[in-house]
């Protein structure tokens, strides 16, 4: 694996929390495809984008989540 490129990799629960609700194969696939310098890369990672906008990222958002921000905000409000 190459060196991480995403500036959020150290704090990303998907990468660092073994309790994150995702299987290990999917976790490794996400890390390789989104966290490192591969395509599509962290600039298009939904977790990266949402964390830049909200200053945190809910666990239900994955790198390839297509849910719009307003729906993410609605779900956060509903689950609170």
Protein backbone atom coordinates (compact mmCIF):
# COMPACT_ATOMS: atom_id res chain seq x y z
CA UNK A 1 0.00 0.00 0.00
CA UNK A 2 1.15 3.52 -0.69
CA UNK A 3 1.45 6.23 1.93
CA UNK A 4 -1.90 7.73 2.94
CA UNK A 5 -2.89 10.85 1.09
CA UNK A 6 -6.10 11.80 2.85
CA UNK A 7 -5.47 14.46 5.51
CA UNK A 8 -8.29 12.97 7.61
CA UNK A 9 -6.97 9.40 7.69
CA UNK A 10 -5.70 9.58 11.30
CA UNK A 11 -9.12 10.57 12.63
CA UNK A 12 -11.37 8.61 10.28
CA UNK A 13 -13.44 6.04 12.17
CA UNK A 14 -13.82 3.88 9.07
CA UNK A 15 -10.05 3.42 9.00
CA UNK A 16 -9.20 3.42 12.71
CA UNK A 17 -12.17 2.08 14.68
CA UNK A 18 -12.38 -1.73 14.67
CA UNK A 19 -15.98 -1.38 15.87
CA UNK A 20 -16.97 0.60 12.76
CA UNK A 21 -19.96 -1.28 11.25
CA UNK A 22 -18.24 -2.62 8.10
CA UNK A 23 -16.60 -5.91 7.21
CA UNK A 24 -12.81 -6.06 6.96
CA UNK A 25 -12.73 -6.76 3.21
CA UNK A 26 -14.85 -3.68 2.48
CA UNK A 27 -12.74 -1.60 4.88
CA UNK A 28 -9.53 -2.55 3.05
CA UNK A 29 -11.15 -1.86 -0.32
CA UNK A 30 -12.28 1.59 0.83
CA UNK A 31 -8.86 2.39 2.27
CA UNK A 32 -7.06 1.38 -0.91
CA UNK A 33 -9.49 3.16 -3.24
CA UNK A 34 -10.27 6.31 -1.27
CA UNK A 35 -7.69 7.00 1.44
CA UNK A 36 -4.58 6.48 -0.62
CA UNK A 37 -3.49 8.08 -3.87
CA UNK A 38 -5.66 5.80 -6.00
CA UNK A 39 -8.59 6.78 -8.15
CA UNK A 40 -11.14 8.04 -7.19
CA UNK A 41 -9.17 9.25 -4.18
CA UNK A 42 -10.00 11.18 -1.05
CA UNK A 43 -11.02 14.39 -2.84
CA UNK A 44 -14.20 12.63 -3.97
CA UNK A 45 -14.67 10.57 -0.79
CA UNK A 46 -18.07 11.39 0.65
CA UNK A 47 -16.70 11.06 4.20
CA UNK A 48 -13.98 13.62 3.39
CA UNK A 49 -16.47 16.01 1.77
CA UNK A 50 -19.03 15.72 4.58
CA UNK A 51 -16.38 16.17 7.28
CA UNK A 52 -15.15 19.35 5.56
CA UNK A 53 -18.72 20.65 5.52
CA UNK A 54 -19.98 19.53 8.94
CA UNK A 55 -16.62 19.16 10.76
CA UNK A 56 -17.52 15.54 11.52
CA UNK A 57 -18.78 12.55 9.58
CA UNK A 58 -21.62 10.29 10.67
CA UNK A 59 -20.89 6.56 10.68
CA UNK A 60 -23.59 5.83 8.10
CA UNK A 61 -21.70 7.85 5.47
CA UNK A 62 -19.27 5.72 3.47
CA UNK A 63 -16.75 6.91 0.87
CA UNK A 64 -19.08 6.04 -2.01
CA UNK A 65 -22.34 7.18 -0.39
CA UNK A 66 -24.47 9.09 -2.88
CA UNK A 67 -26.87 10.54 -0.30
CA UNK A 68 -27.20 14.32 -0.67
CA UNK A 69 -26.16 16.57 2.22
CA UNK A 70 -29.74 17.59 3.06
CA UNK A 71 -30.75 13.94 3.48
CA UNK A 72 -27.69 13.29 5.63
CA UNK A 73 -28.64 16.25 7.82
CA UNK A 74 -32.24 14.99 8.06
CA UNK A 75 -31.02 11.55 9.16
CA UNK A 76 -28.69 13.10 11.75
CA UNK A 77 -31.61 15.11 13.13
CA UNK A 78 -33.91 12.08 13.14
CA UNK A 79 -31.36 9.90 14.96
CA UNK A 80 -30.59 12.57 17.59
